[in-house]
Amino acid sequence: MRIVSFLTDPIVVVAILQHLELPHSPPPISPARGPPQGDFILDQTPAFDPTEAEPPPDFVFDQSLPDEFDD
């Protein structure tokens, strides 16, 4: 695509757009809104109470190899 001409006269531009039945005025500007992160409460964890903490589970870690690895 090659630019053949560039129209700078607003009266001419509006006349051409009206003739082509295209919008000849800019769309309305919407008001700005805050970022969506501002809607969240970041700290949603309950307060830590060490008296209510669960004891760690007892794990038994078996380090023996299965029988098929015995040579």
PDB file of N, CA and C in Angstrom:
ATOM      1  N   MET A   1       0.846  -1.167   0.000  1.00  0.00           N
ATOM      2  CA  MET A   1       0.000   0.000   0.000  1.00  0.00           C
ATOM      3  C   MET A   1       0.893   1.232   0.000  1.00  0.00           C
ATOM      4  N   ARG A   2       0.472   2.207  -0.757  1.00  0.00           N
ATOM      5  CA  ARG A   2       1.258   3.423  -0.884  1.00  0.00           C
ATOM      6  C   ARG A   2       0.376   4.629  -0.593  1.00  0.00           C
ATOM      7  N   ILE A   3       0.867   5.564   0.184  1.00  0.00           N
ATOM      8  CA  ILE A   3       0.108   6.777   0.496  1.00  0.00           C
ATOM      9  C   ILE A   3       0.222   7.723  -0.685  1.00  0.00           C
ATOM     10  N   VAL A   4      -0.940   8.098  -1.227  1.00  0.00           N
ATOM     11  CA  VAL A   4      -0.965   8.993  -2.380  1.00  0.00           C
ATOM     12  C   VAL A   4      -1.110  10.434  -1.919  1.00  0.00           C
ATOM     13  N   SER A   5      -1.954  10.650  -0.901  1.00  0.00           N
ATOM     14  CA  SER A   5      -2.120  12.003  -0.379  1.00  0.00           C
ATOM     15  C   SER A   5      -2.452  11.924   1.104  1.00  0.00           C
ATOM     16  N   PHE A   6      -2.330  13.061   1.750  1.00  0.00           N
ATOM     17  CA  PHE A   6      -2.582  13.148   3.182  1.00  0.00           C
ATOM     18  C   PHE A   6      -3.438  14.383   3.410  1.00  0.00           C
ATOM     19  N   LEU A   7      -4.664  14.177   3.903  1.00  0.00           N
ATOM     20  CA  LEU A   7      -5.589  15.289   4.103  1.00  0.00           C
ATOM     21  C   LEU A   7      -5.408  15.860   5.502  1.00  0.00           C
ATOM     22  N   THR A   8      -5.232  17.174   5.574  1.00  0.00           N
ATOM     23  CA  THR A   8      -5.040  17.821   6.872  1.00  0.00           C
ATOM     24  C   THR A   8      -6.136  18.826   7.199  1.00  0.00           C
ATOM     25  N   ASP A   9      -6.956  19.185   6.227  1.00  0.00           N
ATOM     26  CA  ASP A   9      -8.019  20.160   6.464  1.00  0.00           C
ATOM     27  C   ASP A   9      -9.211  19.439   7.095  1.00  0.00           C
ATOM     28  N   PRO A  10      -9.581  19.777   8.345  1.00  0.00           N
ATOM     29  CA  PRO A  10     -10.663  19.055   9.018  1.00  0.00           C
ATOM     30  C   PRO A  10     -12.010  19.172   8.308  1.00  0.00           C
ATOM     31  N   ILE A  11     -12.280  20.280   7.654  1.00  0.00           N
ATOM     32  CA  ILE A  11     -13.561  20.452   6.961  1.00  0.00           C
ATOM     33  C   ILE A  11     -13.673  19.462   5.807  1.00  0.00           C
ATOM     34  N   VAL A  12     -12.595  19.286   5.074  1.00  0.00           N
ATOM     35  CA  VAL A  12     -12.588  18.345   3.951  1.00  0.00           C
ATOM     36  C   VAL A  12     -12.712  16.912   4.458  1.00  0.00           C
ATOM     37  N   VAL A  13     -12.019  16.597   5.523  1.00  0.00           N
ATOM     38  CA  VAL A  13     -12.063  15.238   6.076  1.00  0.00           C
ATOM     39  C   VAL A  13     -13.475  14.906   6.551  1.00  0.00           C
ATOM     40  N   VAL A  14     -14.122  15.832   7.249  1.00  0.00           N
ATOM     41  CA  VAL A  14     -15.493  15.605   7.731  1.00  0.00           C
ATOM     42  C   VAL A  14     -16.441  15.443   6.553  1.00  0.00           C
ATOM     43  N   ALA A  15     -16.283  16.243   5.516  1.00  0.00           N
ATOM     44  CA  ALA A  15     -17.161  16.142   4.344  1.00  0.00           C
ATOM     45  C   ALA A  15     -17.020  14.782   3.666  1.00  0.00           C
ATOM     46  N   ILE A  16     -15.803  14.293   3.540  1.00  0.00           N
ATOM     47  CA  ILE A  16     -15.581  12.984   2.903  1.00  0.00           C
ATOM     48  C   ILE A  16     -16.174  11.872   3.761  1.00  0.00           C
ATOM     49  N   LEU A  17     -15.944  11.922   5.063  1.00  0.00           N
ATOM     50  CA  LEU A  17     -16.477  10.882   5.944  1.00  0.00           C
ATOM     51  C   LEU A  17     -18.003  10.892   5.975  1.00  0.00           C
ATOM     52  N   GLN A  18     -18.607  12.076   5.969  1.00  0.00           N
ATOM     53  CA  GLN A  18     -20.070  12.153   5.941  1.00  0.00           C
ATOM     54  C   GLN A  18     -20.612  11.593   4.627  1.00  0.00           C
ATOM     55  N   HIS A  19     -19.953  11.872   3.531  1.00  0.00           N
ATOM     56  CA  HIS A  19     -20.390  11.353   2.235  1.00  0.00           C
ATOM     57  C   HIS A  19     -20.319   9.823   2.204  1.00  0.00           C
ATOM     58  N   LEU A  20     -19.295   9.257   2.837  1.00  0.00           N
ATOM     59  CA  LEU A  20     -19.141   7.801   2.881  1.00  0.00           C
ATOM     60  C   LEU A  20     -19.973   7.160   3.997  1.00  0.00           C
ATOM     61  N   GLU A  21     -20.729   7.988   4.724  1.00  0.00           N
ATOM     62  CA  GLU A  21     -21.559   7.543   5.846  1.00  0.00           C
ATOM     63  C   GLU A  21     -20.729   6.805   6.901  1.00  0.00           C
ATOM     64  N   LEU A  22     -19.583   7.381   7.202  1.00  0.00           N
ATOM     65  CA  LEU A  22     -18.697   6.869   8.241  1.00  0.00           C
ATOM     66  C   LEU A  22     -18.702   7.845   9.413  1.00  0.00           C
ATOM     67  N   PRO A  23     -18.368   7.382  10.602  1.00  0.00           N
ATOM     68  CA  PRO A  23     -18.340   8.306  11.742  1.00  0.00           C
ATOM     69  C   PRO A  23     -17.314   9.415  11.503  1.00  0.00           C
ATOM     70  N   HIS A  24     -17.731  10.634  11.735  1.00  0.00           N
ATOM     71  CA  HIS A  24     -16.847  11.768  11.484  1.00  0.00           C
ATOM     72  C   HIS A  24     -16.449  12.494  12.767  1.00  0.00           C
ATOM     73  N   SER A  25     -16.857  11.956  13.916  1.00  0.00           N
ATOM     74  CA  SER A  25     -16.429  12.526  15.195  1.00  0.00           C
ATOM     75  C   SER A  25     -15.784  11.416  16.018  1.00  0.00           C
ATOM     76  N   PRO A  26     -14.857  11.765  16.879  1.00  0.00           N
ATOM     77  CA  PRO A  26     -14.182  10.725  17.665  1.00  0.00           C
ATOM     78  C   PRO A  26     -15.136  10.105  18.685  1.00  0.00           C
ATOM     79  N   PRO A  27     -14.878   8.871  19.089  1.00  0.00           N
ATOM     80  CA  PRO A  27     -15.737   8.243  20.092  1.00  0.00           C
ATOM     81  C   PRO A  27     -15.559   8.932  21.441  1.00  0.00           C
ATOM     82  N   PRO A  28     -16.567   8.852  22.308  1.00  0.00           N
ATOM     83  CA  PRO A  28     -16.428   9.491  23.622  1.00  0.00           C
ATOM     84  C   PRO A  28     -15.342   8.802  24.446  1.00  0.00           C
ATOM     85  N   ILE A  29     -14.679   9.597  25.241  1.00  0.00           N
ATOM     86  CA  ILE A  29     -13.611   9.069  26.090  1.00  0.00           C
ATOM     87  C   ILE A  29     -14.225   8.595  27.401  1.00  0.00           C
ATOM     88  N   SER A  30     -13.959   7.361  27.748  1.00  0.00           N
ATOM     89  CA  SER A  30     -14.469   6.805  28.999  1.00  0.00           C
ATOM     90  C   SER A  30     -13.595   7.259  30.157  1.00  0.00           C
ATOM     91  N   PRO A  31     -14.183   7.407  31.337  1.00  0.00           N
ATOM     92  CA  PRO A  31     -13.353   7.792  32.482  1.00  0.00           C
ATOM     93  C   PRO A  31     -12.406   6.659  32.864  1.00  0.00           C
ATOM     94  N   ALA A  32     -11.271   7.040  33.366  1.00  0.00           N
ATOM     95  CA  ALA A  32     -10.278   6.048  33.768  1.00  0.00           C
ATOM     96  C   ALA A  32     -10.751   5.327  35.020  1.00  0.00           C
ATOM     97  N   ARG A  33     -10.308   4.109  35.179  1.00  0.00           N
ATOM     98  CA  ARG A  33     -10.629   3.362  36.388  1.00  0.00           C
ATOM     99  C   ARG A  33      -9.337   2.854  36.999  1.00  0.00           C
ATOM    100  N   GLY A  34      -9.414   2.503  38.242  1.00  0.00           N
ATOM    101  CA  GLY A  34      -8.239   2.012  38.939  1.00  0.00           C
ATOM    102  C   GLY A  34      -7.866   0.623  38.474  1.00  0.00           C
ATOM    103  N   PRO A  35      -6.659   0.190  38.789  1.00  0.00           N
ATOM    104  CA  PRO A  35      -6.248  -1.157  38.400  1.00  0.00           C
ATOM    105  C   PRO A  35      -7.058  -2.197  39.158  1.00  0.00           C
ATOM    106  N   PRO A  36      -7.274  -3.369  38.566  1.00  0.00           N
ATOM    107  CA  PRO A  36      -8.091  -4.380  39.236  1.00  0.00           C
ATOM    108  C   PRO A  36      -7.458  -4.915  40.512  1.00  0.00           C
ATOM    109  N   GLN A  37      -6.144  -4.767  40.676  1.00  0.00           N
ATOM    110  CA  GLN A  37      -5.508  -5.262  41.891  1.00  0.00           C
ATOM    111  C   GLN A  37      -5.980  -4.498  43.118  1.00  0.00           C
ATOM    112  N   GLY A  38      -6.451  -3.279  42.949  1.00  0.00           N
ATOM    113  CA  GLY A  38      -6.910  -2.494  44.082  1.00  0.00           C
ATOM    114  C   GLY A  38      -8.197  -3.023  44.680  1.00  0.00           C
ATOM    115  N   ASP A  39      -8.906  -3.885  43.943  1.00  0.00           N
ATOM    116  CA  ASP A  39     -10.164  -4.433  44.439  1.00  0.00           C
ATOM    117  C   ASP A  39      -9.952  -5.616  45.383  1.00  0.00           C
ATOM    118  N   PHE A  40      -8.759  -6.169  45.417  1.00  0.00           N
ATOM    119  CA  PHE A  40      -8.509  -7.360  46.218  1.00  0.00           C
ATOM    120  C   PHE A  40      -7.938  -6.991  47.582  1.00  0.00           C
ATOM    121  N   ILE A  41      -8.308  -7.771  48.569  1.00  0.00           N
ATOM    122  CA  ILE A  41      -7.666  -7.667  49.873  1.00  0.00           C
ATOM    123  C   ILE A  41      -6.523  -8.677  49.843  1.00  0.00           C
ATOM    124  N   LEU A  42      -5.302  -8.193  49.946  1.00  0.00           N
ATOM    125  CA  LEU A  42      -4.160  -9.073  49.728  1.00  0.00           C
ATOM    126  C   LEU A  42      -3.928 -10.038  50.884  1.00  0.00           C
ATOM    127  N   ASP A  43      -4.084  -9.592  52.117  1.00  0.00           N
ATOM    128  CA  ASP A  43      -3.809 -10.461  53.255  1.00  0.00           C
ATOM    129  C   ASP A  43      -5.105 -11.137  53.682  1.00  0.00           C
ATOM    130  N   GLN A  44      -5.332 -12.345  53.172  1.00  0.00           N
ATOM    131  CA  GLN A  44      -6.549 -13.073  53.496  1.00  0.00           C
ATOM    132  C   GLN A  44      -6.275 -14.237  54.437  1.00  0.00           C
ATOM    133  N   THR A  45      -5.069 -14.324  54.957  1.00  0.00           N
ATOM    134  CA  THR A  45      -4.737 -15.417  55.864  1.00  0.00           C
ATOM    135  C   THR A  45      -5.206 -15.068  57.273  1.00  0.00           C
ATOM    136  N   PRO A  46      -5.681 -16.058  58.009  1.00  0.00           N
ATOM    137  CA  PRO A  46      -6.065 -15.773  59.390  1.00  0.00           C
ATOM    138  C   PRO A  46      -4.819 -15.509  60.233  1.00  0.00           C
ATOM    139  N   ALA A  47      -5.014 -14.890  61.349  1.00  0.00           N
ATOM    140  CA  ALA A  47      -3.888 -14.604  62.239  1.00  0.00           C
ATOM    141  C   ALA A  47      -3.287 -15.919  62.735  1.00  0.00           C
ATOM    142  N   PHE A  48      -1.976 -15.961  62.854  1.00  0.00           N
ATOM    143  CA  PHE A  48      -1.290 -17.179  63.285  1.00  0.00           C
ATOM    144  C   PHE A  48      -1.371 -17.305  64.801  1.00  0.00           C
ATOM    145  N   ASP A  49      -1.820 -18.463  65.249  1.00  0.00           N
ATOM    146  CA  ASP A  49      -1.881 -18.747  66.678  1.00  0.00           C
ATOM    147  C   ASP A  49      -1.106 -20.039  66.912  1.00  0.00           C
ATOM    148  N   PRO A  50       0.089 -19.973  67.529  1.00  0.00           N
ATOM    149  CA  PRO A  50       0.906 -21.185  67.687  1.00  0.00           C
ATOM    150  C   PRO A  50       0.260 -22.230  68.585  1.00  0.00           C
ATOM    151  N   THR A  51      -0.701 -21.856  69.409  1.00  0.00           N
ATOM    152  CA  THR A  51      -1.345 -22.860  70.268  1.00  0.00           C
ATOM    153  C   THR A  51      -2.288 -23.749  69.471  1.00  0.00           C
ATOM    154  N   GLU A  52      -2.731 -23.287  68.307  1.00  0.00           N
ATOM    155  CA  GLU A  52      -3.646 -24.076  67.490  1.00  0.00           C
ATOM    156  C   GLU A  52      -2.927 -24.829  66.374  1.00  0.00           C
ATOM    157  N   ALA A  53      -1.615 -24.755  66.337  1.00  0.00           N
ATOM    158  CA  ALA A  53      -0.871 -25.410  65.263  1.00  0.00           C
ATOM    159  C   ALA A  53      -0.935 -26.925  65.420  1.00  0.00           C
ATOM    160  N   GLU A  54      -1.046 -27.620  64.289  1.00  0.00           N
ATOM    161  CA  GLU A  54      -1.066 -29.078  64.313  1.00  0.00           C
ATOM    162  C   GLU A  54       0.362 -29.598  64.460  1.00  0.00           C
ATOM    163  N   PRO A  55       0.540 -30.686  65.174  1.00  0.00           N
ATOM    164  CA  PRO A  55       1.896 -31.246  65.278  1.00  0.00           C
ATOM    165  C   PRO A  55       2.321 -31.822  63.933  1.00  0.00           C
ATOM    166  N   PRO A  56       3.608 -31.827  63.658  1.00  0.00           N
ATOM    167  CA  PRO A  56       4.056 -32.386  62.377  1.00  0.00           C
ATOM    168  C   PRO A  56       3.780 -33.885  62.336  1.00  0.00           C
ATOM    169  N   PRO A  57       3.421 -34.412  61.180  1.00  0.00           N
ATOM    170  CA  PRO A  57       3.132 -35.849  61.087  1.00  0.00           C
ATOM    171  C   PRO A  57       4.419 -36.669  61.204  1.00  0.00           C
ATOM    172  N   ASP A  58       4.267 -37.889  61.675  1.00  0.00           N
ATOM    173  CA  ASP A  58       5.403 -38.804  61.784  1.00  0.00           C
ATOM    174  C   ASP A  58       5.548 -39.554  60.466  1.00  0.00           C
ATOM    175  N   PHE A  59       6.679 -39.351  59.803  1.00  0.00           N
ATOM    176  CA  PHE A  59       6.946 -40.037  58.551  1.00  0.00           C
ATOM    177  C   PHE A  59       7.998 -41.108  58.787  1.00  0.00           C
ATOM    178  N   VAL A  60       7.797 -42.234  58.148  1.00  0.00           N
ATOM    179  CA  VAL A  60       8.800 -43.290  58.155  1.00  0.00           C
ATOM    180  C   VAL A  60       9.332 -43.368  56.735  1.00  0.00           C
ATOM    181  N   PHE A  61      10.616 -43.081  56.589  1.00  0.00           N
ATOM    182  CA  PHE A  61      11.219 -43.066  55.267  1.00  0.00           C
ATOM    183  C   PHE A  61      11.963 -44.376  55.067  1.00  0.00           C
ATOM    184  N   ASP A  62      11.468 -45.182  54.150  1.00  0.00           N
ATOM    185  CA  ASP A  62      12.059 -46.487  53.883  1.00  0.00           C
ATOM    186  C   ASP A  62      13.113 -46.326  52.789  1.00  0.00           C
ATOM    187  N   GLN A  63      14.383 -46.573  53.124  1.00  0.00           N
ATOM    188  CA  GLN A  63      15.468 -46.422  52.165  1.00  0.00           C
ATOM    189  C   GLN A  63      15.893 -47.751  51.551  1.00  0.00           C
ATOM    190  N   SER A  64      15.179 -48.808  51.816  1.00  0.00           N
ATOM    191  CA  SER A  64      15.557 -50.101  51.248  1.00  0.00           C
ATOM    192  C   SER A  64      15.165 -50.161  49.776  1.00  0.00           C
ATOM    193  N   LEU A  65      15.922 -50.940  49.011  1.00  0.00           N
ATOM    194  CA  LEU A  65      15.661 -51.101  47.589  1.00  0.00           C
ATOM    195  C   LEU A  65      14.700 -52.255  47.360  1.00  0.00           C
ATOM    196  N   PRO A  66      13.939 -52.198  46.287  1.00  0.00           N
ATOM    197  CA  PRO A  66      13.076 -53.340  45.959  1.00  0.00           C
ATOM    198  C   PRO A  66      13.914 -54.577  45.634  1.00  0.00           C
ATOM    199  N   ASP A  67      13.287 -55.741  45.671  1.00  0.00           N
ATOM    200  CA  ASP A  67      13.997 -57.005  45.455  1.00  0.00           C
ATOM    201  C   ASP A  67      14.616 -57.108  44.069  1.00  0.00           C
ATOM    202  N   GLU A  68      14.025 -56.499  43.053  1.00  0.00           N
ATOM    203  CA  GLU A  68      14.580 -56.642  41.702  1.00  0.00           C
ATOM    204  C   GLU A  68      15.911 -55.907  41.535  1.00  0.00           C
ATOM    205  N   PHE A  69      16.287 -55.045  42.478  1.00  0.00           N
ATOM    206  CA  PHE A  69      17.573 -54.362  42.397  1.00  0.00           C
ATOM    207  C   PHE A  69      18.674 -55.097  43.154  1.00  0.00           C
ATOM    208  N   ASP A  70      18.341 -56.146  43.874  1.00  0.00           N
ATOM    209  CA  ASP A  70      19.360 -56.921  44.590  1.00  0.00           C
ATOM    210  C   ASP A  70      20.113 -57.799  43.597  1.00  0.00           C
ATOM    211  N   ASP A  71      21.406 -57.630  43.519  1.00  0.00           N
ATOM    212  CA  ASP A  71      22.219 -58.459  42.608  1.00  0.00           C
ATOM    213  C   ASP A  71      23.120 -59.370  43.387  1.00  0.00           C
TER     214      ASP A  71
END
